[in-house]
């Protein structure tokens, strides 16, 4: 029997940049945060450079790309809307992965996945271009099992399941019902030939149960909760705590 692939932890650094941008001192440093997280065992770094540059800026994306050249095996994931500014970074830097997110300009935070019935034709060429550059493409998707075949059909390599509905249901009578929806969606994605990522409002409380229930999750991208925890615990202890949550999902003998 083949052992399941352990989920990778990618740290989203947007909130570090958001704090830095409130002053003109260059602190906290996004690059230093990345280095400390990688030193502590993070498997990758995620950024979502928005057109208004309210947190991650163009120079941050380039600096992190340079930094990650010294970390073989650590992945760089750049998120964003391919019809805004994302493809400029994909063409210039060719990250390991780009995650296409259907955000509007100035959107507060990502809050929905792609509607492939409406968006598939315009997504096909940008997905094909990114893949031709050697960049893995993940589509930010709601947990709808019926949509997974369409995601594969437009050329995606992966889907990132938008997990806010799970985080909202955590600890309520609806938790198991929502988890089943995510598990069914992941199974549909795997059956369609896609790999599965997940992210949005995952945290130390809800991560282990999600990974125990939802099959085949290759990567979780966590920013807001992880950076918030790091304010109290520090980067190293926080990354270790999240890795313990992941380990607990794969080995019942490990406690998160």
C-alpha atoms as a PDB file:
ATOM      1  CA  UNK A   1       0.000   0.000   0.000  1.00  0.00           C
ATOM      2  CA  UNK A   2       1.429   3.392  -1.013  1.00  0.00           C
ATOM      3  CA  UNK A   3       1.783   5.962   1.759  1.00  0.00           C
ATOM      4  CA  UNK A   4      -0.121   9.214   1.162  1.00  0.00           C
ATOM      5  CA  UNK A   5       1.901  12.196   0.004  1.00  0.00           C
ATOM      6  CA  UNK A   6       2.510  14.557   2.913  1.00  0.00           C
ATOM      7  CA  UNK A   7       0.941  17.977   2.491  1.00  0.00           C
ATOM      8  CA  UNK A   8       3.396  20.823   1.886  1.00  0.00           C
ATOM      9  CA  UNK A   9       3.114  24.071   3.853  1.00  0.00           C
ATOM     10  CA  UNK A  10       3.422  27.274   1.823  1.00  0.00           C
ATOM     11  CA  UNK A  11       3.544  30.476   3.863  1.00  0.00           C
ATOM     12  CA  UNK A  12       1.719  33.483   2.416  1.00  0.00           C
ATOM     13  CA  UNK A  13       3.650  36.654   3.304  1.00  0.00           C
ATOM     14  CA  UNK A  14       1.115  39.286   2.245  1.00  0.00           C
ATOM     15  CA  UNK A  15       0.345  40.348   5.822  1.00  0.00           C
ATOM     16  CA  UNK A  16       4.033  40.920   6.566  1.00  0.00           C
ATOM     17  CA  UNK A  17       4.146  43.353   3.650  1.00  0.00           C
ATOM     18  CA  UNK A  18       0.896  44.989   4.766  1.00  0.00           C
ATOM     19  CA  UNK A  19       2.398  45.885   8.157  1.00  0.00           C
ATOM     20  CA  UNK A  20       5.637  47.082   6.559  1.00  0.00           C
ATOM     21  CA  UNK A  21       3.745  49.359   4.190  1.00  0.00           C
ATOM     22  CA  UNK A  22       2.253  51.370   7.057  1.00  0.00           C
ATOM     23  CA  UNK A  23       5.658  53.050   7.564  1.00  0.00           C
ATOM     24  CA  UNK A  24       8.713  53.833   5.430  1.00  0.00           C
ATOM     25  CA  UNK A  25      11.296  51.922   7.467  1.00  0.00           C
ATOM     26  CA  UNK A  26      11.369  48.648   5.561  1.00  0.00           C
ATOM     27  CA  UNK A  27      10.322  46.630   8.604  1.00  0.00           C
ATOM     28  CA  UNK A  28       9.156  43.975   9.026  1.00  0.00           C
ATOM     29  CA  UNK A  29      11.196  42.573   6.174  1.00  0.00           C
ATOM     30  CA  UNK A  30       9.376  40.261   3.793  1.00  0.00           C
ATOM     31  CA  UNK A  31      12.652  38.625   2.765  1.00  0.00           C
ATOM     32  CA  UNK A  32      13.697  38.016   6.375  1.00  0.00           C
ATOM     33  CA  UNK A  33      10.268  36.548   7.122  1.00  0.00           C
ATOM     34  CA  UNK A  34      10.658  34.173   4.183  1.00  0.00           C
ATOM     35  CA  UNK A  35      14.126  33.138   5.308  1.00  0.00           C
ATOM     36  CA  UNK A  36      13.011  32.489   8.885  1.00  0.00           C
ATOM     37  CA  UNK A  37      10.001  30.455   7.737  1.00  0.00           C
ATOM     38  CA  UNK A  38      12.105  28.372   5.359  1.00  0.00           C
ATOM     39  CA  UNK A  39      14.747  27.845   8.048  1.00  0.00           C
ATOM     40  CA  UNK A  40      11.975  26.559  10.309  1.00  0.00           C
ATOM     41  CA  UNK A  41      10.782  24.021   7.760  1.00  0.00           C
ATOM     42  CA  UNK A  42       8.241  25.739   5.519  1.00  0.00           C
ATOM     43  CA  UNK A  43       8.047  24.019   2.140  1.00  0.00           C
ATOM     44  CA  UNK A  44       7.356  27.122   0.090  1.00  0.00           C
ATOM     45  CA  UNK A  45       6.437  30.779  -0.073  1.00  0.00           C
ATOM     46  CA  UNK A  46       3.242  32.278  -1.498  1.00  0.00           C
ATOM     47  CA  UNK A  47       2.540  35.899  -2.444  1.00  0.00           C
ATOM     48  CA  UNK A  48      -0.497  37.565  -3.963  1.00  0.00           C
ATOM     49  CA  UNK A  49       0.635  40.851  -5.548  1.00  0.00           C
ATOM     50  CA  UNK A  50      -2.514  42.887  -6.174  1.00  0.00           C
ATOM     51  CA  UNK A  51      -2.689  45.685  -8.749  1.00  0.00           C
ATOM     52  CA  UNK A  52      -2.945  48.359  -6.026  1.00  0.00           C
ATOM     53  CA  UNK A  53       0.245  47.046  -4.323  1.00  0.00           C
ATOM     54  CA  UNK A  54      -1.337  47.477  -0.898  1.00  0.00           C
ATOM     55  CA  UNK A  55       0.829  44.708   0.501  1.00  0.00           C
ATOM     56  CA  UNK A  56       3.219  42.694  -1.700  1.00  0.00           C
ATOM     57  CA  UNK A  57       4.967  44.921  -4.240  1.00  0.00           C
ATOM     58  CA  UNK A  58       6.717  44.110  -7.491  1.00  0.00           C
ATOM     59  CA  UNK A  59      10.153  44.422  -5.901  1.00  0.00           C
ATOM     60  CA  UNK A  60       9.104  41.938  -3.180  1.00  0.00           C
ATOM     61  CA  UNK A  61       8.137  39.324  -5.754  1.00  0.00           C
ATOM     62  CA  UNK A  62      11.481  39.682  -7.516  1.00  0.00           C
ATOM     63  CA  UNK A  63      13.448  39.643  -4.256  1.00  0.00           C
ATOM     64  CA  UNK A  64      11.674  36.496  -3.053  1.00  0.00           C
ATOM     65  CA  UNK A  65      12.292  34.818  -6.395  1.00  0.00           C
ATOM     66  CA  UNK A  66      16.015  35.526  -5.995  1.00  0.00           C
ATOM     67  CA  UNK A  67      15.973  34.307  -2.398  1.00  0.00           C
ATOM     68  CA  UNK A  68      14.309  31.017  -3.301  1.00  0.00           C
ATOM     69  CA  UNK A  69      17.042  30.220  -5.802  1.00  0.00           C
ATOM     70  CA  UNK A  70      19.095  29.345  -2.734  1.00  0.00           C
ATOM     71  CA  UNK A  71      16.466  26.949  -1.400  1.00  0.00           C
ATOM     72  CA  UNK A  72      16.351  23.874  -3.668  1.00  0.00           C
ATOM     73  CA  UNK A  73      13.056  22.099  -3.224  1.00  0.00           C
ATOM     74  CA  UNK A  74      11.202  25.082  -1.772  1.00  0.00           C
ATOM     75  CA  UNK A  75       8.405  26.245  -4.060  1.00  0.00           C
ATOM     76  CA  UNK A  76       7.435  29.757  -5.076  1.00  0.00           C
ATOM     77  CA  UNK A  77       3.715  30.242  -5.650  1.00  0.00           C
ATOM     78  CA  UNK A  78       2.442  33.532  -7.073  1.00  0.00           C
ATOM     79  CA  UNK A  79      -1.309  34.112  -6.840  1.00  0.00           C
ATOM     80  CA  UNK A  80      -3.490  36.603  -8.641  1.00  0.00           C
ATOM     81  CA  UNK A  81      -5.862  37.357 -11.452  1.00  0.00           C
ATOM     82  CA  UNK A  82      -4.258  36.460 -14.807  1.00  0.00           C
ATOM     83  CA  UNK A  83      -6.214  39.277 -16.452  1.00  0.00           C
ATOM     84  CA  UNK A  84      -4.697  41.913 -14.163  1.00  0.00           C
ATOM     85  CA  UNK A  85      -0.991  41.815 -13.298  1.00  0.00           C
ATOM     86  CA  UNK A  86      -0.207  38.144 -12.603  1.00  0.00           C
ATOM     87  CA  UNK A  87       0.986  37.106 -16.049  1.00  0.00           C
ATOM     88  CA  UNK A  88       3.710  39.774 -16.019  1.00  0.00           C
ATOM     89  CA  UNK A  89       5.310  37.959 -13.069  1.00  0.00           C
ATOM     90  CA  UNK A  90       4.765  34.533 -14.624  1.00  0.00           C
ATOM     91  CA  UNK A  91       6.498  35.586 -17.852  1.00  0.00           C
ATOM     92  CA  UNK A  92       9.406  37.282 -16.089  1.00  0.00           C
ATOM     93  CA  UNK A  93      10.072  34.921 -13.179  1.00  0.00           C
ATOM     94  CA  UNK A  94       8.559  31.558 -14.131  1.00  0.00           C
ATOM     95  CA  UNK A  95       7.681  30.513 -10.565  1.00  0.00           C
ATOM     96  CA  UNK A  96       7.084  26.897  -9.651  1.00  0.00           C
ATOM     97  CA  UNK A  97       3.345  27.528  -9.502  1.00  0.00           C
ATOM     98  CA  UNK A  98       0.871  30.256 -10.317  1.00  0.00           C
ATOM     99  CA  UNK A  99      -2.576  30.213  -8.742  1.00  0.00           C
ATOM    100  CA  UNK A 100      -5.232  31.946 -10.825  1.00  0.00           C
ATOM    101  CA  UNK A 101      -7.733  33.756  -8.585  1.00  0.00           C
ATOM    102  CA  UNK A 102     -10.830  35.570  -9.965  1.00  0.00           C
ATOM    103  CA  UNK A 103     -10.417  38.695  -7.820  1.00  0.00           C
ATOM    104  CA  UNK A 104     -11.614  42.092  -8.949  1.00  0.00           C
ATOM    105  CA  UNK A 105      -9.212  45.017  -8.698  1.00  0.00           C
ATOM    106  CA  UNK A 106      -9.173  46.402  -5.179  1.00  0.00           C
ATOM    107  CA  UNK A 107     -11.014  43.376  -3.760  1.00  0.00           C
ATOM    108  CA  UNK A 108     -10.694  43.142   0.046  1.00  0.00           C
ATOM    109  CA  UNK A 109      -9.766  39.453  -0.013  1.00  0.00           C
ATOM    110  CA  UNK A 110     -10.367  36.435  -2.223  1.00  0.00           C
ATOM    111  CA  UNK A 111     -13.945  35.274  -1.655  1.00  0.00           C
ATOM    112  CA  UNK A 112     -14.977  32.972  -4.521  1.00  0.00           C
ATOM    113  CA  UNK A 113     -13.637  30.560  -7.083  1.00  0.00           C
ATOM    114  CA  UNK A 114     -13.811  30.594 -10.860  1.00  0.00           C
ATOM    115  CA  UNK A 115     -17.106  30.151 -12.693  1.00  0.00           C
ATOM    116  CA  UNK A 116     -15.862  27.951 -15.511  1.00  0.00           C
ATOM    117  CA  UNK A 117     -19.148  28.060 -17.371  1.00  0.00           C
ATOM    118  CA  UNK A 118     -18.465  31.761 -17.910  1.00  0.00           C
ATOM    119  CA  UNK A 119     -14.664  31.953 -17.735  1.00  0.00           C
ATOM    120  CA  UNK A 120     -13.295  28.859 -19.435  1.00  0.00           C
ATOM    121  CA  UNK A 121     -12.703  30.314 -22.897  1.00  0.00           C
ATOM    122  CA  UNK A 122     -10.653  33.247 -21.666  1.00  0.00           C
ATOM    123  CA  UNK A 123      -8.782  31.078 -19.176  1.00  0.00           C
ATOM    124  CA  UNK A 124      -7.621  28.503 -21.725  1.00  0.00           C
ATOM    125  CA  UNK A 125      -4.996  30.674 -23.471  1.00  0.00           C
ATOM    126  CA  UNK A 126      -3.428  32.053 -20.271  1.00  0.00           C
ATOM    127  CA  UNK A 127      -3.295  28.588 -18.722  1.00  0.00           C
ATOM    128  CA  UNK A 128      -1.671  27.262 -21.877  1.00  0.00           C
ATOM    129  CA  UNK A 129       0.844  30.122 -21.877  1.00  0.00           C
ATOM    130  CA  UNK A 130       1.835  29.581 -18.238  1.00  0.00           C
ATOM    131  CA  UNK A 131       2.258  25.861 -18.761  1.00  0.00           C
ATOM    132  CA  UNK A 132       4.340  26.474 -21.894  1.00  0.00           C
ATOM    133  CA  UNK A 133       6.711  28.457 -19.658  1.00  0.00           C
ATOM    134  CA  UNK A 134       7.066  25.479 -17.336  1.00  0.00           C
ATOM    135  CA  UNK A 135       4.815  26.915 -14.632  1.00  0.00           C
ATOM    136  CA  UNK A 136       2.277  24.709 -12.868  1.00  0.00           C
ATOM    137  CA  UNK A 137      -1.234  26.222 -12.935  1.00  0.00           C
ATOM    138  CA  UNK A 138      -3.673  25.950 -10.058  1.00  0.00           C
ATOM    139  CA  UNK A 139      -7.218  27.339 -10.255  1.00  0.00           C
ATOM    140  CA  UNK A 140      -8.867  28.800  -7.155  1.00  0.00           C
ATOM    141  CA  UNK A 141     -12.164  26.913  -6.955  1.00  0.00           C
ATOM    142  CA  UNK A 142     -15.202  26.574  -4.729  1.00  0.00           C
ATOM    143  CA  UNK A 143     -15.862  23.062  -3.342  1.00  0.00           C
ATOM    144  CA  UNK A 144     -18.161  21.927  -6.143  1.00  0.00           C
ATOM    145  CA  UNK A 145     -17.439  18.360  -7.270  1.00  0.00           C
ATOM    146  CA  UNK A 146     -19.147  18.856 -10.630  1.00  0.00           C
ATOM    147  CA  UNK A 147     -16.726  21.671 -11.541  1.00  0.00           C
ATOM    148  CA  UNK A 148     -13.555  19.601 -11.282  1.00  0.00           C
ATOM    149  CA  UNK A 149     -13.775  17.990 -14.709  1.00  0.00           C
ATOM    150  CA  UNK A 150     -14.205  21.441 -16.225  1.00  0.00           C
ATOM    151  CA  UNK A 151     -11.082  22.659 -14.402  1.00  0.00           C
ATOM    152  CA  UNK A 152      -9.129  19.813 -15.928  1.00  0.00           C
ATOM    153  CA  UNK A 153     -10.742  20.556 -19.277  1.00  0.00           C
ATOM    154  CA  UNK A 154      -9.379  24.104 -19.431  1.00  0.00           C
ATOM    155  CA  UNK A 155      -5.858  22.778 -18.850  1.00  0.00           C
ATOM    156  CA  UNK A 156      -5.226  23.281 -15.123  1.00  0.00           C
ATOM    157  CA  UNK A 157      -2.733  21.087 -13.281  1.00  0.00           C
ATOM    158  CA  UNK A 158      -4.246  21.658  -9.858  1.00  0.00           C
ATOM    159  CA  UNK A 159      -7.146  23.278  -8.072  1.00  0.00           C
ATOM    160  CA  UNK A 160      -6.857  25.236  -4.842  1.00  0.00           C
ATOM    161  CA  UNK A 161     -10.021  24.590  -2.859  1.00  0.00           C
ATOM    162  CA  UNK A 162     -11.339  27.795  -1.277  1.00  0.00           C
ATOM    163  CA  UNK A 163     -11.745  26.763   2.361  1.00  0.00           C
ATOM    164  CA  UNK A 164     -13.515  29.705   4.003  1.00  0.00           C
ATOM    165  CA  UNK A 165     -16.815  27.816   4.193  1.00  0.00           C
ATOM    166  CA  UNK A 166     -15.038  25.075   6.156  1.00  0.00           C
ATOM    167  CA  UNK A 167     -13.412  27.577   8.506  1.00  0.00           C
ATOM    168  CA  UNK A 168     -16.780  29.229   9.100  1.00  0.00           C
ATOM    169  CA  UNK A 169     -18.427  25.871   9.819  1.00  0.00           C
ATOM    170  CA  UNK A 170     -15.634  24.697  12.128  1.00  0.00           C
ATOM    171  CA  UNK A 171     -16.992  23.868  15.564  1.00  0.00           C
ATOM    172  CA  UNK A 172     -20.621  24.102  14.459  1.00  0.00           C
ATOM    173  CA  UNK A 173     -23.170  21.353  13.720  1.00  0.00           C
ATOM    174  CA  UNK A 174     -22.462  21.923  10.001  1.00  0.00           C
ATOM    175  CA  UNK A 175     -18.766  21.054  10.191  1.00  0.00           C
ATOM    176  CA  UNK A 176     -19.003  17.436   9.060  1.00  0.00           C
ATOM    177  CA  UNK A 177     -21.431  18.229   6.261  1.00  0.00           C
ATOM    178  CA  UNK A 178     -19.112  20.894   4.885  1.00  0.00           C
ATOM    179  CA  UNK A 179     -16.093  18.616   5.255  1.00  0.00           C
ATOM    180  CA  UNK A 180     -17.873  15.934   3.238  1.00  0.00           C
ATOM    181  CA  UNK A 181     -18.407  18.479   0.470  1.00  0.00           C
ATOM    182  CA  UNK A 182     -14.682  19.209   0.382  1.00  0.00           C
ATOM    183  CA  UNK A 183     -13.821  15.512   0.474  1.00  0.00           C
ATOM    184  CA  UNK A 184     -16.202  14.805  -2.389  1.00  0.00           C
ATOM    185  CA  UNK A 185     -14.704  17.694  -4.373  1.00  0.00           C
ATOM    186  CA  UNK A 186     -11.152  16.480  -3.789  1.00  0.00           C
ATOM    187  CA  UNK A 187     -12.096  12.974  -4.904  1.00  0.00           C
ATOM    188  CA  UNK A 188     -13.697  14.408  -8.038  1.00  0.00           C
ATOM    189  CA  UNK A 189     -10.557  16.438  -8.734  1.00  0.00           C
ATOM    190  CA  UNK A 190      -8.303  13.417  -8.320  1.00  0.00           C
ATOM    191  CA  UNK A 191     -10.574  11.345 -10.535  1.00  0.00           C
ATOM    192  CA  UNK A 192     -10.353  14.037 -13.221  1.00  0.00           C
ATOM    193  CA  UNK A 193      -6.546  13.913 -13.129  1.00  0.00           C
ATOM    194  CA  UNK A 194      -5.991  17.069 -11.092  1.00  0.00           C
ATOM    195  CA  UNK A 195      -3.875  17.568  -8.005  1.00  0.00           C
ATOM    196  CA  UNK A 196      -5.367  19.368  -5.002  1.00  0.00           C
ATOM    197  CA  UNK A 197      -4.264  22.387  -2.979  1.00  0.00           C
ATOM    198  CA  UNK A 198      -6.278  24.218  -0.332  1.00  0.00           C
ATOM    199  CA  UNK A 199      -6.304  27.553   1.412  1.00  0.00           C
ATOM    200  CA  UNK A 200      -8.121  30.463   3.040  1.00  0.00           C
ATOM    201  CA  UNK A 201      -8.704  30.762   6.799  1.00  0.00           C
ATOM    202  CA  UNK A 202      -7.053  27.470   7.634  1.00  0.00           C
ATOM    203  CA  UNK A 203      -5.416  27.650  11.057  1.00  0.00           C
ATOM    204  CA  UNK A 204      -3.906  25.566  13.868  1.00  0.00           C
ATOM    205  CA  UNK A 205      -7.327  24.551  15.147  1.00  0.00           C
ATOM    206  CA  UNK A 206      -8.950  23.364  11.924  1.00  0.00           C
ATOM    207  CA  UNK A 207      -6.057  22.231   9.714  1.00  0.00           C
ATOM    208  CA  UNK A 208      -5.519  18.698  11.014  1.00  0.00           C
ATOM    209  CA  UNK A 209      -9.159  17.649  10.716  1.00  0.00           C
ATOM    210  CA  UNK A 210      -9.332  19.044   7.201  1.00  0.00           C
ATOM    211  CA  UNK A 211      -6.305  17.063   6.046  1.00  0.00           C
ATOM    212  CA  UNK A 212      -7.491  13.882   7.768  1.00  0.00           C
ATOM    213  CA  UNK A 213     -10.810  14.047   5.928  1.00  0.00           C
ATOM    214  CA  UNK A 214      -9.994  15.555   2.524  1.00  0.00           C
ATOM    215  CA  UNK A 215      -7.892  13.181   0.419  1.00  0.00           C
ATOM    216  CA  UNK A 216      -4.837  14.020  -1.625  1.00  0.00           C
ATOM    217  CA  UNK A 217      -4.119  17.605  -0.527  1.00  0.00           C
ATOM    218  CA  UNK A 218      -0.668  18.391  -1.906  1.00  0.00           C
ATOM    219  CA  UNK A 219      -0.265  21.883  -0.475  1.00  0.00           C
ATOM    220  CA  UNK A 220      -1.908  24.310   1.922  1.00  0.00           C
ATOM    221  CA  UNK A 221      -1.230  28.015   1.536  1.00  0.00           C
ATOM    222  CA  UNK A 222      -1.685  29.826   4.852  1.00  0.00           C
ATOM    223  CA  UNK A 223      -1.127  33.512   5.503  1.00  0.00           C
ATOM    224  CA  UNK A 224      -3.411  35.483   7.792  1.00  0.00           C
ATOM    225  CA  UNK A 225      -3.650  32.968  10.625  1.00  0.00           C
ATOM    226  CA  UNK A 226      -0.004  31.917  10.419  1.00  0.00           C
ATOM    227  CA  UNK A 227       1.347  35.468  10.458  1.00  0.00           C
ATOM    228  CA  UNK A 228      -1.054  36.351  13.283  1.00  0.00           C
ATOM    229  CA  UNK A 229       0.267  33.397  15.282  1.00  0.00           C
ATOM    230  CA  UNK A 230       3.833  34.464  14.516  1.00  0.00           C
ATOM    231  CA  UNK A 231       3.200  37.818  16.206  1.00  0.00           C
ATOM    232  CA  UNK A 232       2.825  35.876  19.462  1.00  0.00           C
ATOM    233  CA  UNK A 233       5.016  32.816  18.933  1.00  0.00           C
ATOM    234  CA  UNK A 234       7.642  33.910  16.409  1.00  0.00           C
ATOM    235  CA  UNK A 235       8.094  32.563  12.897  1.00  0.00           C
ATOM    236  CA  UNK A 236      10.074  29.445  13.804  1.00  0.00           C
ATOM    237  CA  UNK A 237       7.715  28.202  16.515  1.00  0.00           C
ATOM    238  CA  UNK A 238       4.690  28.979  14.353  1.00  0.00           C
ATOM    239  CA  UNK A 239       5.951  27.107  11.297  1.00  0.00           C
ATOM    240  CA  UNK A 240       6.839  24.168  13.543  1.00  0.00           C
ATOM    241  CA  UNK A 241       3.327  24.230  15.022  1.00  0.00           C
ATOM    242  CA  UNK A 242       1.693  24.165  11.591  1.00  0.00           C
ATOM    243  CA  UNK A 243       3.969  21.363  10.457  1.00  0.00           C
ATOM    244  CA  UNK A 244       2.929  19.462  13.589  1.00  0.00           C
ATOM    245  CA  UNK A 245      -0.713  19.944  12.582  1.00  0.00           C
ATOM    246  CA  UNK A 246       0.091  18.470   9.180  1.00  0.00           C
ATOM    247  CA  UNK A 247       2.028  15.574  10.713  1.00  0.00           C
ATOM    248  CA  UNK A 248      -0.890  14.805  13.040  1.00  0.00           C
ATOM    249  CA  UNK A 249      -3.158  14.399  10.018  1.00  0.00           C
ATOM    250  CA  UNK A 250      -0.922  11.689   8.585  1.00  0.00           C
ATOM    251  CA  UNK A 251       0.152   9.957  11.806  1.00  0.00           C
ATOM    252  CA  UNK A 252      -2.385   9.544  14.629  1.00  0.00           C
ATOM    253  CA  UNK A 253       0.499   9.041  17.052  1.00  0.00           C
ATOM    254  CA  UNK A 254       1.607  12.653  16.480  1.00  0.00           C
ATOM    255  CA  UNK A 255      -0.203  15.319  18.456  1.00  0.00           C
ATOM    256  CA  UNK A 256      -0.624  18.779  16.946  1.00  0.00           C
END
